[in-house]
């Protein structure tokens, strides 16, 4: 079942996997679909969700110039 936060995040973010040579395995990339701002509360919700599912969480940011 989806709650309100999950519906908002699924509409604002795209999720896809890529193989990372440096990490020697697949990484889950989470990117905003548009230039929507995702609040820190929503990022914390996502982080807790994946952590509770048993995934290791490492945040990496790419700067777009």
Protein backbone atom coordinates (compact mmCIF):
# COMPACT_ATOMS: atom_id res chain seq x y z
CA UNK A 1 0.00 0.00 0.00
CA UNK A 2 1.14 3.50 -0.73
CA UNK A 3 0.93 6.37 1.66
CA UNK A 4 0.89 10.04 0.68
CA UNK A 5 4.68 10.51 0.99
CA UNK A 6 5.39 7.49 -1.20
CA UNK A 7 3.01 8.71 -3.94
CA UNK A 8 4.68 12.14 -3.94
CA UNK A 9 8.15 10.59 -4.21
CA UNK A 10 7.17 8.20 -6.99
CA UNK A 11 5.82 11.11 -9.02
CA UNK A 12 8.85 13.37 -8.42
CA UNK A 13 11.77 10.94 -8.64
CA UNK A 14 13.11 8.38 -11.08
CA UNK A 15 14.84 5.25 -9.84
CA UNK A 16 17.28 3.20 -11.91
CA UNK A 17 20.26 0.92 -11.44
CA UNK A 18 23.71 1.33 -12.96
CA UNK A 19 26.81 -0.77 -12.60
CA UNK A 20 29.58 1.22 -10.95
CA UNK A 21 33.14 0.06 -11.61
CA UNK A 22 34.54 1.88 -8.56
CA UNK A 23 31.99 0.32 -6.18
CA UNK A 24 32.22 -3.07 -7.97
CA UNK A 25 28.48 -3.53 -8.15
CA UNK A 26 25.14 -2.01 -8.98
CA UNK A 27 24.09 1.32 -7.52
CA UNK A 28 20.59 2.70 -7.28
CA UNK A 29 20.43 6.19 -8.75
CA UNK A 30 17.63 8.47 -7.59
CA UNK A 31 17.10 11.59 -9.64
CA UNK A 32 14.35 14.22 -9.72
CA UNK A 33 12.20 13.89 -12.83
CA UNK A 34 11.97 17.63 -13.27
CA UNK A 35 13.60 20.48 -11.42
CA UNK A 36 11.29 19.82 -8.49
CA UNK A 37 12.76 20.40 -5.07
CA UNK A 38 12.57 17.35 -2.86
CA UNK A 39 12.35 18.36 0.77
CA UNK A 40 14.82 17.03 3.35
CA UNK A 41 11.86 15.32 5.02
CA UNK A 42 11.19 13.28 1.86
CA UNK A 43 14.90 12.39 1.48
CA UNK A 44 14.98 11.25 5.12
CA UNK A 45 11.87 9.13 4.50
CA UNK A 46 13.55 7.44 1.50
CA UNK A 47 16.77 6.91 3.42
CA UNK A 48 14.93 5.28 6.32
CA UNK A 49 12.88 3.13 3.95
CA UNK A 50 15.93 1.66 2.22
CA UNK A 51 17.85 1.31 5.50
CA UNK A 52 14.96 -0.64 7.05
CA UNK A 53 14.95 -2.92 4.00
CA UNK A 54 18.60 -3.79 4.76
CA UNK A 55 20.41 -1.71 2.15
CA UNK A 56 23.62 0.17 2.77
CA UNK A 57 23.15 3.86 2.02
CA UNK A 58 25.91 6.04 0.63
CA UNK A 59 24.95 9.45 -0.69
CA UNK A 60 26.79 10.75 -3.71
CA UNK A 61 25.98 14.00 -5.41
CA UNK A 62 26.69 15.09 -8.95
CA UNK A 63 26.95 18.80 -9.62
CA UNK A 64 25.43 19.90 -12.89
CA UNK A 65 27.05 23.05 -14.19
